[in-house]
Protein backbone atom coordinates (compact mmCIF):
# COMPACT_ATOMS: atom_id res chain seq x y z
CA MET A 1 133.37 18.21 113.44
CA ALA A 2 133.07 21.31 111.05
CA ILE A 3 134.74 19.86 108.06
CA GLY A 4 132.95 16.67 108.53
CA SER A 5 129.64 18.58 108.25
CA LEU A 6 131.15 20.42 105.13
CA VAL A 7 131.77 17.06 103.38
CA VAL A 8 128.28 15.86 104.20
CA SER A 9 126.56 18.95 102.81
CA LEU A 10 128.61 18.93 99.78
CA ILE A 11 127.34 15.16 99.31
CA ALA A 12 123.89 16.54 100.01
CA VAL A 13 124.20 19.25 97.31
CA THR A 14 125.50 16.76 94.59
CA LEU A 15 122.54 14.44 95.21
CA VAL A 16 120.05 17.03 95.12
CA VAL A 17 121.61 18.48 91.78
CA THR A 18 121.58 15.01 90.53
CA GLY A 19 117.77 14.49 91.67
CA THR A 20 116.80 17.84 90.09
CA PHE A 21 118.08 16.93 86.73
CA PHE A 22 117.35 13.36 86.74
CA PHE A 23 113.87 13.57 85.35
CA HIS A 24 114.40 16.82 83.32
CA SER A 25 117.49 15.60 81.60
CA PRO A 26 117.88 15.65 77.63
CA PHE A 27 117.33 12.02 77.78
CA ASN A 28 113.64 12.45 79.50
CA VAL A 29 113.63 9.42 81.57
CA HIS A 30 110.17 8.82 82.83
CA PRO A 31 109.35 6.77 85.85
CA ASP A 32 107.55 4.08 83.97
CA ALA A 33 110.53 3.47 81.78
CA LEU A 34 112.37 2.06 85.04
CA ASP A 35 112.20 -0.79 87.06
CA ARG A 36 110.70 -0.58 90.53
CA LYS A 37 113.88 -1.35 92.43
CA PRO A 38 116.23 1.03 90.51
CA PHE A 39 113.39 3.51 90.69
CA ALA A 40 113.22 3.38 94.33
CA LEU A 41 116.97 3.46 94.75
CA VAL A 42 117.22 6.71 92.53
CA ILE A 43 114.23 8.32 94.67
CA GLY A 44 116.01 7.29 97.88
CA LEU A 45 119.21 8.51 97.00
CA CYS A 46 118.42 11.63 95.11
CA TYR A 47 115.21 13.03 96.71
CA ILE A 48 114.94 11.73 100.16
CA LEU A 49 118.81 11.44 101.33
CA PRO A 50 119.56 15.05 100.57
CA ILE A 51 117.02 16.41 103.02
CA PHE A 52 118.26 14.30 106.00
CA LEU A 53 121.92 14.99 104.99
CA GLY A 54 121.39 18.79 104.73
CA ILE A 55 119.57 19.11 107.79
CA GLY A 56 122.09 16.86 109.74
CA ALA A 57 125.04 18.83 108.11
CA ALA A 58 123.45 22.23 109.22
CA LEU A 59 122.84 20.78 112.81
CA PHE A 60 126.41 19.64 113.27
CA ALA A 61 127.78 22.74 111.72
CA GLY A 62 125.86 24.83 114.18
CA GLN A 63 127.27 22.66 117.17
CA ALA A 64 130.60 22.97 115.66
CA MET A 65 130.22 26.77 115.74
CA THR A 66 129.13 26.73 119.26
CA LEU A 67 132.22 24.83 120.25
CA ILE A 68 134.45 27.12 118.25
CA GLU A 69 133.01 30.04 119.95
CA GLU A 70 133.34 28.54 123.49
CA SER A 71 137.04 27.47 122.91
CA ASP A 72 138.51 30.98 123.08
CA GLY A 73 140.69 30.45 120.00
CA LYS A 74 141.65 26.85 120.57
CA TYR A 75 139.74 25.79 117.52
CA ARG A 76 139.52 27.72 114.32
CA ALA A 77 137.17 25.96 111.79
CA ASP A 78 134.25 28.47 111.78
CA GLY A 79 134.54 29.04 107.89
CA PRO A 80 133.86 25.47 107.00
CA ALA A 81 131.01 25.42 109.51
CA PHE A 82 129.55 28.29 108.17
CA PHE A 83 129.59 27.14 104.56
CA ALA A 84 128.20 23.77 105.72
CA ILE A 85 125.04 25.56 107.19
CA MET A 86 124.76 27.65 103.94
CA ILE A 87 125.01 24.64 101.75
CA GLY A 88 123.05 21.97 103.89
CA LEU A 89 119.93 23.99 104.43
CA PRO A 90 119.40 25.17 100.80
CA SER A 91 120.24 21.33 99.94
CA ALA A 92 117.46 20.23 102.19
CA ILE A 93 114.95 22.70 100.99
CA VAL A 94 115.59 22.00 97.45
CA GLY A 95 115.11 18.30 98.44
CA ILE A 96 111.70 19.00 99.90
CA LEU A 97 110.73 20.75 96.68
CA ASN A 98 112.04 18.08 94.33
CA CYS A 99 109.90 15.53 96.52
CA PHE A 100 106.87 17.84 96.03
CA ALA A 101 107.67 18.07 92.35
CA LEU A 102 108.15 14.45 91.90
CA SER A 103 104.68 13.65 93.56
CA GLN A 104 103.32 16.30 91.23
CA PHE A 105 104.95 14.50 88.33
CA ALA A 106 104.03 10.90 88.97
C-alpha cells in the first residue's frame, strides 16, 4: 500500500508539473488556440486529477504508516509511505494553485 501510494504521488507530481508548464511554455499555447475537447482533457488531466491523486496518495500513505507502526516490525515500508505524503500533498496544493491561476488566466 505504501509503494502504491508512492507511485500514485509520483504520477500526481508529473501531471502537476506538466500542467504548470503547459500554458507557460515557450510555445505559448493559449486556450483559444485549442479545440474544446482536447482543452477539457488537458484541464482534467493536468489541473484537476493531480489534486485528487495527491490527496488520495497522502491518505493511503498515512494509513500505510499506521499499519506499519502497528505491525511490530512485520512490515517495513515506512520510507515510501513518508515520501508519498511528502510528494502527494505538495502536488495537491500546486494543483489547486494551478486551477486558481488558470481561472485568472482564462
